[in-house]
Amino acid sequence: MLGSSEQPLSSTYDVAVLDLDGVVYVGPHAIEGAPEALNRAQSGGMHLAFVTNNAARPPETVGEHLRELGVDARDEDVVTSAQAAARLLAAQLPSGSKVFLLGGVGLEEALLERGLVPVTEPSDEVAAVVQGFGPDLLWKQVMQGAALVRSGLPWVASNTDMTIPTASGVGPGNGALVRLVSEFAEREPQVAGKPMAPLFEETLTRVGGARPLVIGDRLDTDIEGAVTMGWDSLLVLTGVTGLEELVRAGKQERPTYISPDLAALAEPQAAPEETDAGPRLGGWTADVDGDRLTVSGEGTQADWWRVVAVAAWAHLDETGQPVATDGVEPPR
């Protein structure tokens, strides 16, 4: 159920399609070891694409933040869901069309780049609505945009993430507000961001690459998007995915590789072998006794996660129920 690579991942793939929140940083702070791992991969020839569902900030702001954290990042290698959303709208509207903006400066600049005119006042000239995360969005503006959506105008959401990681914990994401508008308008938006294809397509159009590796911390956006595209993926455990989420992952949410962090880019990747006692790798063996997960042995943290994933997913596929993980703790 997991892939293997005899060479370091940075040699096997030519471009890393990197999520940011929960992978490279959380809020204003870099995840420990992430800048060093990315710079090593890049110096070895791997191209880095910094891809985010967050539509609030323009690429230049994201690039500056990455450089402040010590990552050798170029602005042109930052790709946002705002850019993908603007491209979707530009394919449907004449140049110069007015688009009602529910979002921040990132969406505004992306629309202008595509020859569209962002507006925040409703009128008969408005041709579409675009919605993305905006921390300073006014409730009046939300109501006006929702009314336009209900009238039947084209509606594009940058993403539908229900949560976002913050320095103080998990907060509500753009998807929470998209759901509100959707329920009011009784319709669904076109979605540009992960796990849908437009943002991935936008990434390769802007950055290039023939052998992409998607790297993320979320099963329902990063990894599901990679599966949808038919691309390989690396799940890192520095963000929102923990043991409970991992053992419940359906086939559309399963990564090719699993690692505690981005150090995996410099390492070959081994997959567990199947034994009578259960999946085994590097001294660890995982099994399911009845419906309860058990892990025995000793070894690296990365190998522990890999045997656990394979054992849990096999049980889920066979029974339709996730394993119980009471009393199971990852090694520190």
Protein backbone atom coordinates (compact mmCIF):
# COMPACT_ATOMS: atom_id res chain seq x y z
CA MET A 1 0.00 0.00 0.00
CA LEU A 2 3.03 2.27 0.28
CA GLY A 3 5.60 2.91 -2.41
CA SER A 4 9.37 2.57 -2.19
CA SER A 5 12.28 4.43 -3.70
CA GLU A 6 15.86 3.16 -3.77
CA GLN A 7 17.08 6.71 -4.38
CA PRO A 8 16.39 9.80 -2.26
CA LEU A 9 13.07 11.36 -3.20
CA SER A 10 14.87 14.52 -4.33
CA SER A 11 16.58 12.41 -6.99
CA THR A 12 13.54 10.34 -7.99
CA TYR A 13 11.29 13.38 -8.66
CA ASP A 14 12.16 16.61 -10.47
CA VAL A 15 9.65 18.93 -8.81
CA ALA A 16 8.21 19.01 -5.30
CA VAL A 17 4.66 20.37 -5.21
CA LEU A 18 4.81 21.64 -1.64
CA ASP A 19 1.94 22.61 0.57
CA LEU A 20 2.96 25.36 3.00
CA ASP A 21 0.80 25.56 6.15
CA GLY A 22 1.71 22.56 8.28
CA VAL A 23 4.55 21.49 5.97
CA VAL A 24 7.02 24.38 5.73
CA TYR A 25 5.65 26.65 8.44
CA VAL A 26 2.85 27.16 10.93
CA GLY A 27 1.88 30.82 11.09
CA PRO A 28 5.02 32.99 11.37
CA HIS A 29 7.32 30.14 12.39
CA ALA A 30 9.20 27.59 10.30
CA ILE A 31 8.71 23.93 11.11
CA GLU A 32 11.93 22.63 12.63
CA GLY A 33 14.34 21.42 9.96
CA ALA A 34 12.08 22.34 7.02
CA PRO A 35 14.16 25.18 5.49
CA GLU A 36 17.34 23.13 5.66
CA ALA A 37 15.68 20.08 4.08
CA LEU A 38 14.21 22.14 1.24
CA ASN A 39 17.44 23.98 0.51
CA ARG A 40 19.35 20.68 0.36
CA ALA A 41 16.82 19.24 -2.07
CA GLN A 42 16.95 22.33 -4.24
CA SER A 43 20.74 22.46 -4.32
CA GLY A 44 20.68 18.84 -5.47
CA GLY A 45 18.59 19.74 -8.52
CA MET A 46 15.00 19.31 -7.33
CA HIS A 47 12.73 22.18 -8.32
CA LEU A 48 10.47 23.46 -5.53
CA ALA A 49 6.94 24.71 -6.18
CA PHE A 50 5.34 26.34 -3.14
CA VAL A 51 1.64 25.66 -3.55
CA THR A 52 -1.01 26.89 -1.18
CA ASN A 53 -4.79 26.77 -0.93
CA ASN A 54 -4.62 30.03 1.04
CA ALA A 55 -5.80 32.73 -1.36
CA ALA A 56 -5.36 35.67 1.00
CA ARG A 57 -1.72 36.52 0.28
CA PRO A 58 -0.12 37.27 -3.12
CA PRO A 59 2.90 35.19 -4.21
CA GLU A 60 5.36 38.00 -3.43
CA THR A 61 4.24 38.11 0.19
CA VAL A 62 4.47 34.33 0.51
CA GLY A 63 7.90 34.32 -1.12
CA GLU A 64 9.17 37.01 1.25
CA HIS A 65 7.88 35.04 4.23
CA LEU A 66 9.65 31.89 3.02
CA ARG A 67 12.94 33.75 2.59
CA GLU A 68 12.61 35.26 6.07
CA LEU A 69 12.36 31.70 7.38
CA GLY A 70 15.54 30.70 5.55
CA VAL A 71 14.07 28.98 2.49
CA ASP A 72 15.69 29.78 -0.87
CA ALA A 73 12.38 30.60 -2.55
CA ARG A 74 11.60 32.63 -5.66
CA ASP A 75 8.32 34.53 -5.99
CA GLU A 76 7.62 32.93 -9.36
CA ASP A 77 7.70 29.47 -7.76
CA VAL A 78 4.82 30.35 -5.43
CA VAL A 79 1.45 29.20 -6.79
CA THR A 80 -1.81 30.00 -5.03
CA SER A 81 -5.41 28.90 -5.29
CA ALA A 82 -6.22 32.54 -6.07
CA GLN A 83 -4.24 32.25 -9.31
CA ALA A 84 -6.03 29.02 -10.21
CA ALA A 85 -9.41 30.59 -9.44
CA ALA A 86 -8.62 33.61 -11.61
CA ARG A 87 -7.63 31.36 -14.50
CA LEU A 88 -10.91 29.45 -14.18
CA LEU A 89 -12.88 32.70 -14.39
CA ALA A 90 -10.79 34.12 -17.24
CA ALA A 91 -11.65 31.05 -19.30
CA GLN A 92 -15.37 31.82 -18.87
CA LEU A 93 -15.52 35.65 -19.02
CA PRO A 94 -14.47 38.32 -21.50
CA SER A 95 -11.46 40.41 -20.58
CA GLY A 96 -12.45 43.41 -18.47
CA SER A 97 -15.40 41.65 -16.82
CA LYS A 98 -16.26 42.72 -13.29
CA VAL A 99 -15.96 40.03 -10.62
CA PHE A 100 -17.40 40.49 -7.13
CA LEU A 101 -14.61 39.82 -4.66
CA LEU A 102 -15.13 37.88 -1.45
CA GLY A 103 -11.54 37.64 -0.27
CA GLY A 104 -8.27 39.41 0.24
CA VAL A 105 -5.48 41.05 -1.70
CA GLY A 106 -4.22 37.72 -3.08
CA LEU A 107 -7.45 37.18 -5.01
CA GLU A 108 -7.59 40.81 -6.07
CA GLU A 109 -4.12 40.71 -7.63
CA ALA A 110 -4.79 37.35 -9.30
CA LEU A 111 -7.92 38.72 -11.00
CA LEU A 112 -6.05 41.78 -12.25
CA GLU A 113 -3.29 39.54 -13.63
CA ARG A 114 -5.93 37.80 -15.77
CA GLY A 115 -7.48 41.01 -17.07
CA LEU A 116 -10.54 40.88 -14.81
CA VAL A 117 -11.80 43.73 -12.64
CA PRO A 118 -12.36 42.98 -8.93
CA VAL A 119 -15.23 44.93 -7.34
CA THR A 120 -16.75 44.99 -3.87
CA GLU A 121 -20.04 46.71 -4.69
CA PRO A 122 -22.88 44.76 -6.34
CA SER A 123 -24.25 46.02 -9.67
CA ASP A 124 -25.84 44.79 -12.89
CA GLU A 125 -22.35 44.77 -14.46
CA VAL A 126 -21.00 42.10 -12.12
CA ALA A 127 -20.39 38.94 -14.19
CA ALA A 128 -19.24 36.46 -11.53
CA VAL A 129 -18.33 35.95 -7.86
CA VAL A 130 -15.01 34.69 -6.53
CA GLN A 131 -14.54 33.61 -2.92
CA GLY A 132 -11.40 32.99 -0.90
CA PHE A 133 -10.05 33.40 2.61
CA GLY A 134 -9.89 37.03 3.70
CA PRO A 135 -9.21 37.81 7.37
CA ASP A 136 -10.67 41.32 7.05
CA LEU A 137 -13.78 40.37 5.07
CA LEU A 138 -16.86 42.36 6.13
CA TRP A 139 -20.16 40.65 6.86
CA LYS A 140 -21.97 43.15 4.61
CA GLN A 141 -19.76 42.08 1.74
CA VAL A 142 -20.46 38.41 2.45
CA MET A 143 -24.22 39.04 2.33
CA GLN A 144 -23.96 40.95 -0.94
CA GLY A 145 -21.80 38.26 -2.52
CA ALA A 146 -24.12 35.50 -1.32
CA ALA A 147 -27.09 37.28 -2.92
CA LEU A 148 -25.23 37.47 -6.24
CA VAL A 149 -24.41 33.77 -6.01
CA ARG A 150 -28.06 33.01 -5.33
CA SER A 151 -29.01 34.96 -8.45
CA GLY A 152 -27.13 32.42 -10.55
CA LEU A 153 -23.88 34.17 -11.45
CA PRO A 154 -20.79 32.00 -12.03
CA TRP A 155 -19.19 31.31 -8.64
CA VAL A 156 -15.62 30.12 -8.07
CA ALA A 157 -14.21 29.26 -4.65
CA SER A 158 -10.45 29.27 -4.21
CA ASN A 159 -10.74 26.26 -1.88
CA THR A 160 -13.10 24.53 0.52
CA ASP A 161 -10.72 23.79 3.41
CA MET A 162 -12.84 23.65 6.54
CA THR A 163 -9.86 24.36 8.80
CA ILE A 164 -6.53 26.15 8.73
CA PRO A 165 -3.58 25.67 11.08
CA THR A 166 -2.68 28.73 13.16
CA ALA A 167 -0.08 29.45 15.80
CA SER A 168 -2.80 29.08 18.45
CA GLY A 169 -4.39 25.93 17.05
CA VAL A 170 -6.83 24.96 14.32
CA GLY A 171 -9.15 27.71 13.04
CA PRO A 172 -12.06 27.84 10.56
CA GLY A 173 -10.97 27.97 6.94
CA ASN A 174 -12.52 29.33 3.74
CA GLY A 175 -14.64 26.20 3.40
CA ALA A 176 -16.69 27.17 6.43
CA LEU A 177 -17.81 30.39 4.78
CA VAL A 178 -18.24 28.70 1.40
CA ARG A 179 -20.62 26.25 3.06
CA LEU A 180 -22.64 29.13 4.50
CA VAL A 181 -22.99 30.78 1.09
CA SER A 182 -23.75 27.43 -0.52
CA GLU A 183 -26.57 26.66 1.89
CA PHE A 184 -28.05 30.11 1.42
CA ALA A 185 -27.78 30.05 -2.38
CA GLU A 186 -28.69 26.34 -2.69
CA ARG A 187 -25.87 25.60 -5.13
CA GLU A 188 -22.22 24.54 -5.19
CA PRO A 189 -19.21 26.52 -6.46
CA GLN A 190 -16.53 25.61 -8.93
CA VAL A 191 -13.48 24.88 -6.79
CA ALA A 192 -9.99 25.87 -7.90
CA GLY A 193 -7.84 24.64 -5.01
CA LYS A 194 -6.77 21.26 -3.75
CA PRO A 195 -7.96 18.53 -4.03
CA MET A 196 -9.38 19.66 -7.38
CA ALA A 197 -7.25 19.68 -10.52
CA PRO A 198 -7.01 23.42 -11.42
CA LEU A 199 -4.38 24.32 -8.80
CA PHE A 200 -2.19 21.34 -9.73
CA GLU A 201 -2.51 22.20 -13.42
CA GLU A 202 -1.70 25.84 -12.64
CA THR A 203 1.44 24.70 -10.81
CA LEU A 204 2.93 22.74 -13.70
CA THR A 205 1.99 25.51 -16.15
CA ARG A 206 3.88 28.09 -14.09
CA VAL A 207 6.74 26.02 -12.68
CA GLY A 208 7.16 23.07 -15.04
CA GLY A 209 8.25 19.53 -14.27
CA ALA A 210 7.75 16.02 -15.62
CA ARG A 211 7.89 13.92 -12.42
CA PRO A 212 6.02 15.80 -9.68
CA LEU A 213 5.84 14.74 -6.04
CA VAL A 214 3.03 16.28 -3.99
CA ILE A 215 4.05 16.95 -0.38
CA GLY A 216 1.43 17.81 2.20
CA ASP A 217 0.08 17.35 5.70
CA ARG A 218 -3.61 16.99 4.81
CA LEU A 219 -5.17 13.79 3.53
CA ASP A 220 -8.33 15.42 2.18
CA THR A 221 -6.60 18.10 0.08
CA ASP A 222 -2.92 17.42 -0.61
CA ILE A 223 -3.00 13.63 -0.78
CA GLU A 224 -6.45 13.24 -2.31
CA GLY A 225 -5.47 15.80 -4.93
CA ALA A 226 -2.34 13.83 -5.80
CA VAL A 227 -4.39 10.64 -6.15
CA THR A 228 -6.85 12.49 -8.39
CA MET A 229 -4.00 13.69 -10.63
CA GLY A 230 -2.27 10.30 -10.66
CA TRP A 231 0.85 11.80 -9.03
CA ASP A 232 2.92 10.31 -6.22
CA SER A 233 2.75 11.96 -2.82
CA LEU A 234 4.54 12.29 0.52
CA LEU A 235 2.54 12.78 3.70
CA VAL A 236 4.43 14.63 6.44
CA LEU A 237 3.18 14.53 10.01
CA THR A 238 4.02 18.10 11.00
CA GLY A 239 0.51 19.47 10.45
CA VAL A 240 -3.07 18.35 10.93
CA THR A 241 -2.78 14.60 10.27
CA GLY A 242 -2.17 12.34 13.25
CA LEU A 243 -2.78 8.72 14.10
CA GLU A 244 -6.58 8.93 14.23
CA GLU A 245 -6.79 10.58 10.80
CA LEU A 246 -4.24 8.26 9.21
CA VAL A 247 -5.93 4.98 10.16
CA ARG A 248 -9.23 6.25 8.70
CA ALA A 249 -7.78 7.20 5.31
CA GLY A 250 -9.74 5.73 2.40
CA LYS A 251 -8.10 4.68 -0.84
CA GLN A 252 -8.44 8.19 -2.33
CA GLU A 253 -6.52 9.69 0.61
CA ARG A 254 -3.51 7.39 0.85
CA PRO A 255 -0.02 8.72 0.16
CA THR A 256 2.78 6.97 -1.68
CA TYR A 257 5.20 7.72 1.15
CA ILE A 258 4.93 8.71 4.83
CA SER A 259 7.51 10.58 6.91
CA PRO A 260 7.53 12.52 10.17
CA ASP A 261 8.97 15.52 8.31
CA LEU A 262 10.72 16.82 5.19
CA ALA A 263 13.97 15.00 6.00
CA ALA A 264 12.50 12.24 3.81
CA LEU A 265 13.51 14.22 0.70
CA ALA A 266 17.14 13.28 1.28
CA GLU A 267 16.42 9.62 2.04
CA PRO A 268 15.49 6.45 0.15
CA GLN A 269 12.04 5.17 1.07
CA ALA A 270 11.34 1.57 2.08
CA ALA A 271 7.90 -0.03 2.19
CA PRO A 272 6.87 -2.61 4.81
CA GLU A 273 7.01 -6.28 3.89
CA GLU A 274 4.04 -8.50 4.55
CA THR A 275 4.66 -11.28 7.09
CA ASP A 276 2.41 -13.74 8.90
CA ALA A 277 2.68 -11.49 11.96
CA GLY A 278 1.71 -8.35 9.99
CA PRO A 279 3.54 -5.61 8.08
CA ARG A 280 7.19 -5.36 9.16
CA LEU A 281 9.83 -2.70 8.56
CA GLY A 282 13.05 -1.72 10.30
CA GLY A 283 12.35 -3.58 13.54
CA TRP A 284 8.65 -2.71 13.84
CA THR A 285 5.72 -5.07 13.26
CA ALA A 286 2.09 -3.95 13.27
CA ASP A 287 -0.96 -6.15 13.56
CA VAL A 288 -4.68 -5.90 14.23
CA ASP A 289 -5.97 -8.12 17.02
CA GLY A 290 -9.72 -8.24 16.55
CA ASP A 291 -10.30 -4.58 15.85
CA ARG A 292 -7.40 -3.21 17.93
CA LEU A 293 -4.07 -2.03 16.54
CA THR A 294 -0.91 -3.41 18.12
CA VAL A 295 2.70 -2.46 17.37
CA SER A 296 5.75 -4.32 18.61
CA GLY A 297 9.51 -3.98 18.22
CA GLU A 298 11.72 -0.93 17.97
CA GLY A 299 13.17 1.25 15.26
CA THR A 300 12.79 4.67 13.68
CA GLN A 301 9.75 6.87 14.02
CA ALA A 302 9.27 6.90 10.25
CA ASP A 303 9.16 3.10 10.00
CA TRP A 304 6.66 2.95 12.89
CA TRP A 305 4.23 5.15 10.98
CA ARG A 306 4.63 3.10 7.82
CA VAL A 307 3.83 -0.28 9.37
CA VAL A 308 0.90 1.25 11.24
CA ALA A 309 -0.53 2.71 8.04
CA VAL A 310 -0.33 -0.54 6.10
CA ALA A 311 -1.87 -2.62 8.90
CA ALA A 312 -4.65 -0.11 9.52
CA TRP A 313 -5.55 0.33 5.86
CA ALA A 314 -5.67 -3.42 5.25
CA HIS A 315 -8.11 -3.75 8.16
CA LEU A 316 -10.19 -0.82 6.89
CA ASP A 317 -10.42 -2.32 3.39
CA GLU A 318 -11.35 -5.73 4.74
CA THR A 319 -13.92 -4.70 7.35
CA GLY A 320 -15.01 -1.20 6.39
CA GLN A 321 -14.18 -0.05 9.93
CA PRO A 322 -11.09 1.78 11.24
CA VAL A 323 -8.93 0.06 13.81
CA ALA A 324 -9.12 1.03 17.47
CA THR A 325 -5.94 2.82 18.55
CA ASP A 326 -6.55 3.07 22.30
CA GLY A 327 -3.23 2.97 24.13
CA VAL A 328 -1.15 3.18 20.93
CA GLU A 329 1.38 6.01 21.02
CA PRO A 330 3.89 6.93 18.29
CA PRO A 331 7.53 6.78 19.39
CA ARG A 332 9.05 10.13 20.31
